[in-house]
């Protein structure tokens, strides 16, 4: 159970999450009663592919990668979940009995585990809440379709720049610095790019003056210019 006083900042972050923002006070209080705080070090598994599905998760701090194993035993990163987002809810709502991916922390992370069965019972008590949750899942589906389009229709440079721009919050500045939250090799896997291709694309973008690479910091030298290049497929 999450205590509103002891876990004040965590509770506030959950309240702002799209997944839970449609709940009224009573529903949200019920949610907190079957939620628990979990802190894990880097490279720690939350659950493994094909394990029985028991909880959905909200990332408060850190980063969690969702991955699948190929037939050859290689790892394919499906998504990297950063603070403020949830994962595994789509599988829960689908009624699937097992997790289709493995969830592993990329850095020291704090997550909230929400009991899946009790969340479903809460949803069954309110048609209005179900509709709001459906809207959330629909948004996630459209996002995934958009991501699939990017990975099949655009080159490596486009995908990398698009990923970097997604890390930028609202800003009026033409130049912006991005601190990479996850290793470059994991970003490459997430974008379905080989590590060597990822490195070449970064060097190409830097040679064109569009970005500057400073170890874990990526500097977007001119946001509007790079967006124009993306629109014209000139990356």
C-alpha atoms as a PDB file:
ATOM      1  CA  UNK A   1       0.000   0.000   0.000  1.00  0.00           C
ATOM      2  CA  UNK A   2       1.223   3.499  -0.836  1.00  0.00           C
ATOM      3  CA  UNK A   3       0.886   6.032   1.952  1.00  0.00           C
ATOM      4  CA  UNK A   4      -0.088   9.519   0.746  1.00  0.00           C
ATOM      5  CA  UNK A   5       2.103  11.169   3.366  1.00  0.00           C
ATOM      6  CA  UNK A   6       5.186   8.950   3.296  1.00  0.00           C
ATOM      7  CA  UNK A   7       5.136   8.644  -0.491  1.00  0.00           C
ATOM      8  CA  UNK A   8       3.784  12.094  -1.299  1.00  0.00           C
ATOM      9  CA  UNK A   9       5.956  12.784  -4.382  1.00  0.00           C
ATOM     10  CA  UNK A  10       5.320   9.333  -5.818  1.00  0.00           C
ATOM     11  CA  UNK A  11       1.566   9.670  -5.355  1.00  0.00           C
ATOM     12  CA  UNK A  12       1.569  13.102  -7.028  1.00  0.00           C
ATOM     13  CA  UNK A  13       3.490  11.688  -9.989  1.00  0.00           C
ATOM     14  CA  UNK A  14       0.986   8.850 -10.335  1.00  0.00           C
ATOM     15  CA  UNK A  15      -1.910  11.302 -10.162  1.00  0.00           C
ATOM     16  CA  UNK A  16      -0.468  13.159 -13.169  1.00  0.00           C
ATOM     17  CA  UNK A  17      -0.002   9.980 -15.217  1.00  0.00           C
ATOM     18  CA  UNK A  18      -2.451   9.665 -18.119  1.00  0.00           C
ATOM     19  CA  UNK A  19      -3.234   6.109 -17.077  1.00  0.00           C
ATOM     20  CA  UNK A  20      -4.585   7.176 -13.672  1.00  0.00           C
ATOM     21  CA  UNK A  21      -5.604  10.808 -14.223  1.00  0.00           C
ATOM     22  CA  UNK A  22      -9.186   9.876 -15.113  1.00  0.00           C
ATOM     23  CA  UNK A  23      -9.855   8.331 -11.699  1.00  0.00           C
ATOM     24  CA  UNK A  24     -11.901  10.180  -9.110  1.00  0.00           C
ATOM     25  CA  UNK A  25     -10.526  10.507  -5.564  1.00  0.00           C
ATOM     26  CA  UNK A  26     -12.196   7.344  -4.269  1.00  0.00           C
ATOM     27  CA  UNK A  27     -10.959   5.260  -7.203  1.00  0.00           C
ATOM     28  CA  UNK A  28      -7.435   6.644  -6.889  1.00  0.00           C
ATOM     29  CA  UNK A  29      -7.374   5.918  -3.149  1.00  0.00           C
ATOM     30  CA  UNK A  30      -8.446   2.350  -3.914  1.00  0.00           C
ATOM     31  CA  UNK A  31      -5.635   2.106  -6.458  1.00  0.00           C
ATOM     32  CA  UNK A  32      -3.070   3.138  -3.841  1.00  0.00           C
ATOM     33  CA  UNK A  33      -4.262   0.369  -1.522  1.00  0.00           C
ATOM     34  CA  UNK A  34      -3.203  -2.340  -3.984  1.00  0.00           C
ATOM     35  CA  UNK A  35      -0.034  -0.633  -5.221  1.00  0.00           C
ATOM     36  CA  UNK A  36       3.457  -1.099  -3.810  1.00  0.00           C
ATOM     37  CA  UNK A  37       6.750   0.755  -4.138  1.00  0.00           C
ATOM     38  CA  UNK A  38       9.711  -1.203  -5.523  1.00  0.00           C
ATOM     39  CA  UNK A  39      13.312   0.025  -5.774  1.00  0.00           C
ATOM     40  CA  UNK A  40      15.738  -1.976  -7.903  1.00  0.00           C
ATOM     41  CA  UNK A  41      19.406  -1.503  -8.854  1.00  0.00           C
ATOM     42  CA  UNK A  42      20.547  -1.365 -12.492  1.00  0.00           C
ATOM     43  CA  UNK A  43      20.292  -4.541 -14.597  1.00  0.00           C
ATOM     44  CA  UNK A  44      17.654  -6.056 -12.319  1.00  0.00           C
ATOM     45  CA  UNK A  45      14.761  -8.015 -13.809  1.00  0.00           C
ATOM     46  CA  UNK A  46      11.202  -7.053 -12.830  1.00  0.00           C
ATOM     47  CA  UNK A  47       9.671  -9.937 -14.728  1.00  0.00           C
ATOM     48  CA  UNK A  48      10.693 -12.355 -17.462  1.00  0.00           C
ATOM     49  CA  UNK A  49       9.082 -13.135 -20.793  1.00  0.00           C
ATOM     50  CA  UNK A  50       6.341 -15.783 -20.410  1.00  0.00           C
ATOM     51  CA  UNK A  51       6.025 -15.354 -16.635  1.00  0.00           C
ATOM     52  CA  UNK A  52       2.409 -15.181 -15.366  1.00  0.00           C
ATOM     53  CA  UNK A  53       1.094 -11.621 -15.510  1.00  0.00           C
ATOM     54  CA  UNK A  54       0.367 -10.328 -12.009  1.00  0.00           C
ATOM     55  CA  UNK A  55       1.012  -6.556 -12.023  1.00  0.00           C
ATOM     56  CA  UNK A  56       1.271  -3.516 -14.251  1.00  0.00           C
ATOM     57  CA  UNK A  57       3.963  -0.941 -13.522  1.00  0.00           C
ATOM     58  CA  UNK A  58       4.481   2.815 -13.266  1.00  0.00           C
ATOM     59  CA  UNK A  59       8.037   4.173 -13.516  1.00  0.00           C
ATOM     60  CA  UNK A  60       8.716   6.915 -10.976  1.00  0.00           C
ATOM     61  CA  UNK A  61      12.495   7.143 -11.350  1.00  0.00           C
ATOM     62  CA  UNK A  62      15.073   5.486 -13.564  1.00  0.00           C
ATOM     63  CA  UNK A  63      14.483   3.589 -16.803  1.00  0.00           C
ATOM     64  CA  UNK A  64      13.135   0.144 -17.674  1.00  0.00           C
ATOM     65  CA  UNK A  65      13.699  -1.677 -20.949  1.00  0.00           C
ATOM     66  CA  UNK A  66      11.158  -4.083 -22.392  1.00  0.00           C
ATOM     67  CA  UNK A  67      12.776  -6.754 -24.533  1.00  0.00           C
ATOM     68  CA  UNK A  68      12.135 -10.064 -26.251  1.00  0.00           C
ATOM     69  CA  UNK A  69      14.490 -12.915 -27.007  1.00  0.00           C
ATOM     70  CA  UNK A  70      14.839 -14.026 -30.620  1.00  0.00           C
ATOM     71  CA  UNK A  71      15.069 -17.652 -31.732  1.00  0.00           C
ATOM     72  CA  UNK A  72      18.847 -17.216 -31.902  1.00  0.00           C
ATOM     73  CA  UNK A  73      18.904 -15.962 -28.314  1.00  0.00           C
ATOM     74  CA  UNK A  74      19.560 -12.320 -29.200  1.00  0.00           C
ATOM     75  CA  UNK A  75      17.835  -9.514 -27.329  1.00  0.00           C
ATOM     76  CA  UNK A  76      15.542  -7.091 -29.133  1.00  0.00           C
ATOM     77  CA  UNK A  77      14.541  -3.995 -27.171  1.00  0.00           C
ATOM     78  CA  UNK A  78      10.894  -3.215 -27.819  1.00  0.00           C
ATOM     79  CA  UNK A  79      10.679  -0.050 -25.758  1.00  0.00           C
ATOM     80  CA  UNK A  80      12.437   1.943 -23.053  1.00  0.00           C
ATOM     81  CA  UNK A  81      10.071   3.212 -20.355  1.00  0.00           C
ATOM     82  CA  UNK A  82      11.094   6.476 -18.699  1.00  0.00           C
ATOM     83  CA  UNK A  83       9.604   8.193 -15.606  1.00  0.00           C
ATOM     84  CA  UNK A  84       5.937   9.109 -15.738  1.00  0.00           C
ATOM     85  CA  UNK A  85       4.875   6.178 -17.914  1.00  0.00           C
ATOM     86  CA  UNK A  86       3.240   2.817 -17.338  1.00  0.00           C
ATOM     87  CA  UNK A  87       3.692  -0.565 -18.975  1.00  0.00           C
ATOM     88  CA  UNK A  88       2.012  -3.994 -19.168  1.00  0.00           C
ATOM     89  CA  UNK A  89      -1.519  -2.541 -18.971  1.00  0.00           C
ATOM     90  CA  UNK A  90      -2.305  -3.425 -22.597  1.00  0.00           C
ATOM     91  CA  UNK A  91      -1.480  -7.075 -21.960  1.00  0.00           C
ATOM     92  CA  UNK A  92      -3.601  -7.053 -18.803  1.00  0.00           C
ATOM     93  CA  UNK A  93      -6.623  -5.545 -20.568  1.00  0.00           C
ATOM     94  CA  UNK A  94      -6.226  -8.028 -23.413  1.00  0.00           C
ATOM     95  CA  UNK A  95      -6.587 -10.836 -20.893  1.00  0.00           C
ATOM     96  CA  UNK A  96      -3.261 -12.447 -21.762  1.00  0.00           C
ATOM     97  CA  UNK A  97      -2.046 -14.702 -18.936  1.00  0.00           C
ATOM     98  CA  UNK A  98       1.674 -14.066 -19.454  1.00  0.00           C
ATOM     99  CA  UNK A  99       4.078 -11.181 -20.010  1.00  0.00           C
ATOM    100  CA  UNK A 100       5.163 -11.125 -23.691  1.00  0.00           C
ATOM    101  CA  UNK A 101       8.420  -9.315 -22.851  1.00  0.00           C
ATOM    102  CA  UNK A 102      11.133  -9.160 -20.202  1.00  0.00           C
ATOM    103  CA  UNK A 103      11.354  -5.972 -18.106  1.00  0.00           C
ATOM    104  CA  UNK A 104      14.811  -5.001 -16.849  1.00  0.00           C
ATOM    105  CA  UNK A 105      16.034  -1.835 -15.146  1.00  0.00           C
ATOM    106  CA  UNK A 106      18.651   0.067 -17.148  1.00  0.00           C
ATOM    107  CA  UNK A 107      19.670   2.089 -14.100  1.00  0.00           C
ATOM    108  CA  UNK A 108      18.727   2.262 -10.440  1.00  0.00           C
ATOM    109  CA  UNK A 109      14.941   2.614 -10.624  1.00  0.00           C
ATOM    110  CA  UNK A 110      11.871   3.141  -8.505  1.00  0.00           C
ATOM    111  CA  UNK A 111       8.662   1.660  -9.877  1.00  0.00           C
ATOM    112  CA  UNK A 112       5.141   1.165  -8.605  1.00  0.00           C
ATOM    113  CA  UNK A 113       3.654  -2.309  -9.016  1.00  0.00           C
ATOM    114  CA  UNK A 114      -0.145  -2.253  -9.332  1.00  0.00           C
ATOM    115  CA  UNK A 115      -2.010  -5.508  -8.719  1.00  0.00           C
ATOM    116  CA  UNK A 116      -3.587  -6.468 -12.037  1.00  0.00           C
ATOM    117  CA  UNK A 117      -6.626  -8.397 -10.790  1.00  0.00           C
ATOM    118  CA  UNK A 118      -7.631  -5.676  -8.365  1.00  0.00           C
ATOM    119  CA  UNK A 119      -7.218  -3.024 -11.055  1.00  0.00           C
ATOM    120  CA  UNK A 120      -9.572  -4.986 -13.314  1.00  0.00           C
ATOM    121  CA  UNK A 121     -12.099  -5.248 -10.487  1.00  0.00           C
ATOM    122  CA  UNK A 122     -11.889  -1.481 -10.025  1.00  0.00           C
ATOM    123  CA  UNK A 123     -12.531  -0.951 -13.738  1.00  0.00           C
ATOM    124  CA  UNK A 124     -15.543  -3.268 -13.658  1.00  0.00           C
ATOM    125  CA  UNK A 125     -17.105  -1.039 -11.021  1.00  0.00           C
ATOM    126  CA  UNK A 126     -17.258   2.001 -13.337  1.00  0.00           C
ATOM    127  CA  UNK A 127     -18.235   2.177 -17.016  1.00  0.00           C
ATOM    128  CA  UNK A 128     -16.938   5.741 -17.185  1.00  0.00           C
ATOM    129  CA  UNK A 129     -13.517   4.705 -15.920  1.00  0.00           C
ATOM    130  CA  UNK A 130     -13.426   1.869 -18.466  1.00  0.00           C
ATOM    131  CA  UNK A 131     -14.030   4.343 -21.285  1.00  0.00           C
ATOM    132  CA  UNK A 132     -11.217   6.573 -20.022  1.00  0.00           C
ATOM    133  CA  UNK A 133      -8.863   3.598 -19.842  1.00  0.00           C
ATOM    134  CA  UNK A 134      -9.905   2.604 -23.366  1.00  0.00           C
ATOM    135  CA  UNK A 135      -8.879   6.055 -24.554  1.00  0.00           C
ATOM    136  CA  UNK A 136      -5.477   5.563 -22.926  1.00  0.00           C
ATOM    137  CA  UNK A 137      -4.969   2.181 -24.599  1.00  0.00           C
ATOM    138  CA  UNK A 138      -6.138   3.593 -27.946  1.00  0.00           C
ATOM    139  CA  UNK A 139      -3.549   6.370 -27.683  1.00  0.00           C
ATOM    140  CA  UNK A 140      -0.838   3.801 -26.980  1.00  0.00           C
ATOM    141  CA  UNK A 141      -1.933   1.732 -29.992  1.00  0.00           C
ATOM    142  CA  UNK A 142      -1.709   4.731 -32.327  1.00  0.00           C
ATOM    143  CA  UNK A 143       1.709   5.541 -30.886  1.00  0.00           C
ATOM    144  CA  UNK A 144       2.932   2.008 -31.580  1.00  0.00           C
ATOM    145  CA  UNK A 145       1.634   2.100 -35.167  1.00  0.00           C
ATOM    146  CA  UNK A 146       3.440   5.410 -35.665  1.00  0.00           C
ATOM    147  CA  UNK A 147       6.635   3.889 -34.260  1.00  0.00           C
ATOM    148  CA  UNK A 148       6.316   0.935 -36.641  1.00  0.00           C
ATOM    149  CA  UNK A 149       5.991   3.333 -39.579  1.00  0.00           C
ATOM    150  CA  UNK A 150       9.127   5.186 -38.525  1.00  0.00           C
ATOM    151  CA  UNK A 151      11.146   1.971 -38.288  1.00  0.00           C
ATOM    152  CA  UNK A 152      10.041   0.666 -41.678  1.00  0.00           C
ATOM    153  CA  UNK A 153       9.773   3.863 -43.748  1.00  0.00           C
ATOM    154  CA  UNK A 154      12.717   5.954 -42.535  1.00  0.00           C
ATOM    155  CA  UNK A 155      16.489   5.604 -42.445  1.00  0.00           C
ATOM    156  CA  UNK A 156      18.693   5.348 -39.350  1.00  0.00           C
ATOM    157  CA  UNK A 157      19.471   9.085 -39.164  1.00  0.00           C
ATOM    158  CA  UNK A 158      15.764   9.974 -39.226  1.00  0.00           C
ATOM    159  CA  UNK A 159      14.948   7.489 -36.468  1.00  0.00           C
ATOM    160  CA  UNK A 160      17.816   8.713 -34.291  1.00  0.00           C
ATOM    161  CA  UNK A 161      16.879  12.382 -34.659  1.00  0.00           C
ATOM    162  CA  UNK A 162      13.218  11.602 -34.034  1.00  0.00           C
ATOM    163  CA  UNK A 163      14.210   9.764 -30.841  1.00  0.00           C
ATOM    164  CA  UNK A 164      16.312  12.720 -29.670  1.00  0.00           C
ATOM    165  CA  UNK A 165      13.569  15.249 -30.394  1.00  0.00           C
ATOM    166  CA  UNK A 166      11.098  13.140 -28.395  1.00  0.00           C
ATOM    167  CA  UNK A 167      13.298  13.698 -25.333  1.00  0.00           C
ATOM    168  CA  UNK A 168      12.888  17.474 -25.540  1.00  0.00           C
ATOM    169  CA  UNK A 169      10.224  19.108 -23.404  1.00  0.00           C
ATOM    170  CA  UNK A 170       8.690  22.449 -24.380  1.00  0.00           C
ATOM    171  CA  UNK A 171      11.388  24.972 -25.123  1.00  0.00           C
ATOM    172  CA  UNK A 172      11.769  28.267 -26.972  1.00  0.00           C
ATOM    173  CA  UNK A 173      15.487  27.758 -27.463  1.00  0.00           C
ATOM    174  CA  UNK A 174      16.859  26.905 -30.906  1.00  0.00           C
ATOM    175  CA  UNK A 175      19.651  24.829 -29.330  1.00  0.00           C
ATOM    176  CA  UNK A 176      19.037  22.065 -26.818  1.00  0.00           C
ATOM    177  CA  UNK A 177      21.143  19.604 -24.813  1.00  0.00           C
ATOM    178  CA  UNK A 178      19.875  16.085 -24.187  1.00  0.00           C
ATOM    179  CA  UNK A 179      21.298  13.838 -21.491  1.00  0.00           C
ATOM    180  CA  UNK A 180      20.952  10.246 -22.687  1.00  0.00           C
ATOM    181  CA  UNK A 181      19.108   8.219 -20.054  1.00  0.00           C
ATOM    182  CA  UNK A 182      20.111   4.843 -21.472  1.00  0.00           C
ATOM    183  CA  UNK A 183      23.244   3.426 -23.165  1.00  0.00           C
ATOM    184  CA  UNK A 184      23.638   4.085 -26.898  1.00  0.00           C
ATOM    185  CA  UNK A 185      23.611   0.358 -27.668  1.00  0.00           C
ATOM    186  CA  UNK A 186      20.149   0.082 -26.091  1.00  0.00           C
ATOM    187  CA  UNK A 187      18.886   3.092 -28.033  1.00  0.00           C
ATOM    188  CA  UNK A 188      20.161   1.421 -31.218  1.00  0.00           C
ATOM    189  CA  UNK A 189      18.314  -1.796 -30.355  1.00  0.00           C
ATOM    190  CA  UNK A 190      15.166   0.163 -29.533  1.00  0.00           C
ATOM    191  CA  UNK A 191      15.332   1.814 -32.982  1.00  0.00           C
ATOM    192  CA  UNK A 192      16.100  -1.484 -34.772  1.00  0.00           C
ATOM    193  CA  UNK A 193      19.534  -0.226 -35.786  1.00  0.00           C
ATOM    194  CA  UNK A 194      22.820  -2.093 -35.511  1.00  0.00           C
ATOM    195  CA  UNK A 195      25.282  -0.436 -33.068  1.00  0.00           C
ATOM    196  CA  UNK A 196      27.793   0.239 -35.859  1.00  0.00           C
ATOM    197  CA  UNK A 197      25.084   1.820 -38.021  1.00  0.00           C
ATOM    198  CA  UNK A 198      24.014   3.940 -35.049  1.00  0.00           C
ATOM    199  CA  UNK A 199      27.599   5.194 -34.597  1.00  0.00           C
ATOM    200  CA  UNK A 200      27.973   6.004 -38.307  1.00  0.00           C
ATOM    201  CA  UNK A 201      24.680   7.890 -38.345  1.00  0.00           C
ATOM    202  CA  UNK A 202      25.724   9.967 -35.312  1.00  0.00           C
ATOM    203  CA  UNK A 203      29.005  10.861 -37.016  1.00  0.00           C
ATOM    204  CA  UNK A 204      27.154  11.794 -40.206  1.00  0.00           C
ATOM    205  CA  UNK A 205      24.724  14.051 -38.335  1.00  0.00           C
ATOM    206  CA  UNK A 206      27.619  15.646 -36.462  1.00  0.00           C
ATOM    207  CA  UNK A 207      29.585  16.190 -39.697  1.00  0.00           C
ATOM    208  CA  UNK A 208      26.562  18.017 -41.134  1.00  0.00           C
ATOM    209  CA  UNK A 209      26.562  20.285 -38.089  1.00  0.00           C
ATOM    210  CA  UNK A 210      23.102  19.199 -36.980  1.00  0.00           C
ATOM    211  CA  UNK A 211      24.214  17.710 -33.665  1.00  0.00           C
ATOM    212  CA  UNK A 212      27.224  17.659 -31.364  1.00  0.00           C
ATOM    213  CA  UNK A 213      28.063  14.481 -29.459  1.00  0.00           C
ATOM    214  CA  UNK A 214      29.667  14.906 -26.024  1.00  0.00           C
ATOM    215  CA  UNK A 215      29.790  11.411 -24.492  1.00  0.00           C
ATOM    216  CA  UNK A 216      26.314  10.994 -22.909  1.00  0.00           C
ATOM    217  CA  UNK A 217      25.189  14.469 -23.995  1.00  0.00           C
ATOM    218  CA  UNK A 218      23.689  15.153 -27.415  1.00  0.00           C
ATOM    219  CA  UNK A 219      23.412  18.791 -28.459  1.00  0.00           C
ATOM    220  CA  UNK A 220      20.783  19.654 -31.068  1.00  0.00           C
ATOM    221  CA  UNK A 221      22.417  22.696 -32.650  1.00  0.00           C
ATOM    222  CA  UNK A 222      19.323  24.040 -34.428  1.00  0.00           C
ATOM    223  CA  UNK A 223      15.977  22.438 -33.610  1.00  0.00           C
ATOM    224  CA  UNK A 224      14.003  24.112 -36.403  1.00  0.00           C
ATOM    225  CA  UNK A 225      16.628  23.305 -39.023  1.00  0.00           C
ATOM    226  CA  UNK A 226      16.758  19.651 -38.064  1.00  0.00           C
ATOM    227  CA  UNK A 227      12.946  19.461 -38.172  1.00  0.00           C
ATOM    228  CA  UNK A 228      13.018  20.967 -41.684  1.00  0.00           C
ATOM    229  CA  UNK A 229      15.584  18.358 -42.740  1.00  0.00           C
ATOM    230  CA  UNK A 230      13.337  15.603 -41.343  1.00  0.00           C
ATOM    231  CA  UNK A 231      10.310  16.919 -43.230  1.00  0.00           C
ATOM    232  CA  UNK A 232      12.282  16.945 -46.484  1.00  0.00           C
ATOM    233  CA  UNK A 233      13.853  13.529 -45.795  1.00  0.00           C
ATOM    234  CA  UNK A 234      17.307  15.116 -46.058  1.00  0.00           C
ATOM    235  CA  UNK A 235      18.950  13.481 -43.055  1.00  0.00           C
END
